[in-house]
Amino acid sequence: METQKENEKQIELAYEVDDKPKVLSQILLGFQHIFAAFGGIIVVPIIIASSLKLDAKTSTALISAAILMAGIATFIQSKGIGPIGARVACIMGTDITFVAPAAVVGKKFGLAGIFGATILGAFLVIILSFFIKYIMKLFPELVTGIVVCLIGLTLLPVSIDWAAGGSGSHNYGSLNNISIALIVTLVTLLLNHYGKGLFSSASILIGMAVGYIICICLGMVDFSSVAKANLISLPQFFANGVKFNFDVLLPFIPAYCVSVISTVGNLRAINEISGIKDDDVRISRGILSDGVGSVLAGIFGAMPNTSFSQNVGLIPLTKVASRFVTMTAGILLIILGLFPKFAAIINVMPQPVLGGVGIVMFGTVAAAGIQTLSHVKLDNRNLLIIATSIGLGLGVTFRPEVLSSLPESLKMIFSSGISTGTIVALVLNLILKEKK
């Protein structure tokens, strides 16, 4: 019966995992995957550039590197190189999970610290890929739900600042800024809910494009930095330096743990949809690819890479599970990442546009955490863990000065609400035993 069900799933697919569509089909379907993921790929470097107040040249390089390394990581994951890669239709990119720890590390150690943390954390992922069974036991739904929820909640105030025009801007909270952000939010919501196919999956990207066009019409965009950007640029080793120490790594550990769990879930979903036998070896190779992709990202000036869940939904929608399609998407991303002018156009996007999609994105992440927690039995023990973890996580986010008297190393750990909440959730989950 199970075999029959599996076969039915495979028959429904127009292209199975190892099927190779015609080149034109691969390109068109590859672009569709890019549209679904592109908003997520570029948002993280834009957020970090804004948070650290980087100049236009550095910000453009950060966006280009993110696109380029997403393409390389996608190609490795889909094609497979030796024991690296799950060899399924999987799109990779920098996830929103890494925004908060990157901002914390970046403000103290600069981009060199972020890239050092990216590389160190990636080696941790490579090690974890060989112990997936055991690691998953430390992160039940209760803990992962709390962490994912905190990621969204701690970032929402940032998106509100953007919607108002950016913290400290002369026109903060102006009617123009708020109106643009609300239009972007509305377009994104309507397309995501009522749109079909590509219009729904690329709703964030389309929402940003609509907001951008409005800002251009209102004369809010300065394209001078686009003119100055190089036409073509090759990636450079450690262009912004690199800093390795335990302090830069600590805030990244919870985010890397969440990304590992997320990739496990995404790969299992892809395997099921694609009619592939779900085994630990394939999952382990997929996590290993996450780690290798992130090491390369840190070396070439980008942040960690992990699997994108939004692209999993495109497989049943298009009935295409071919890994050759995502390999093509990877190649297309690599090409786009080599053109700084393309990244510069993205970089000059006004902050209200980013705020409009940020509200939806960060709110969605928080809602996903709540959805995970809804599967957990809400008895007294679990409610105590949820309440304390989220309470302390949000507490240090909104009142960071409470940590001012702590040693510098402890400040680095607990200054991120995500790190604080994760540590509290893990410890309480171990010490508060379930009542029989």
Foldseek 3Di string as FASTA:
>chain_A
DVVVVLVVLQVLFPAFAARDDPPVVLQVLLVLLCLLCVLFQQLQLLLLCQLLVPDLQLSLLQSLLQLQLQLVLLLCQQCPDVLAHLNWAFGKGDGLLCNQLLSLQCVPPNLQLQLQLLQVLLVVLLVCLVVVVVLVVLCDLLLLLLLLLLSLVLCLVVLQCLLQFHPPDPRGNPPVSVVLLQQLLVQLVCQLVPNDRSSNSNSLVVSLVVSQVVCVVVVNFDCPVLVVFDFFDDFDFCPVHHDHDPLSNQQCNLSSSSLLVVQLVQVVLLCSSSSHDDDSSSSSSHSNSQSVSSNVSSGRNYHGMGTDNSSSVNCSRNSHTYSSSSNSSSVVSSVCSRGSSSSSSVNRRGSSSSSSSSNVVSVVSSVVSVVSCVVPDPDPLSVVLSCVLQVLLVVCSVVVCVCVPPPPSVSSQRNHSSSSSSVSNSVSPVPVDDDD
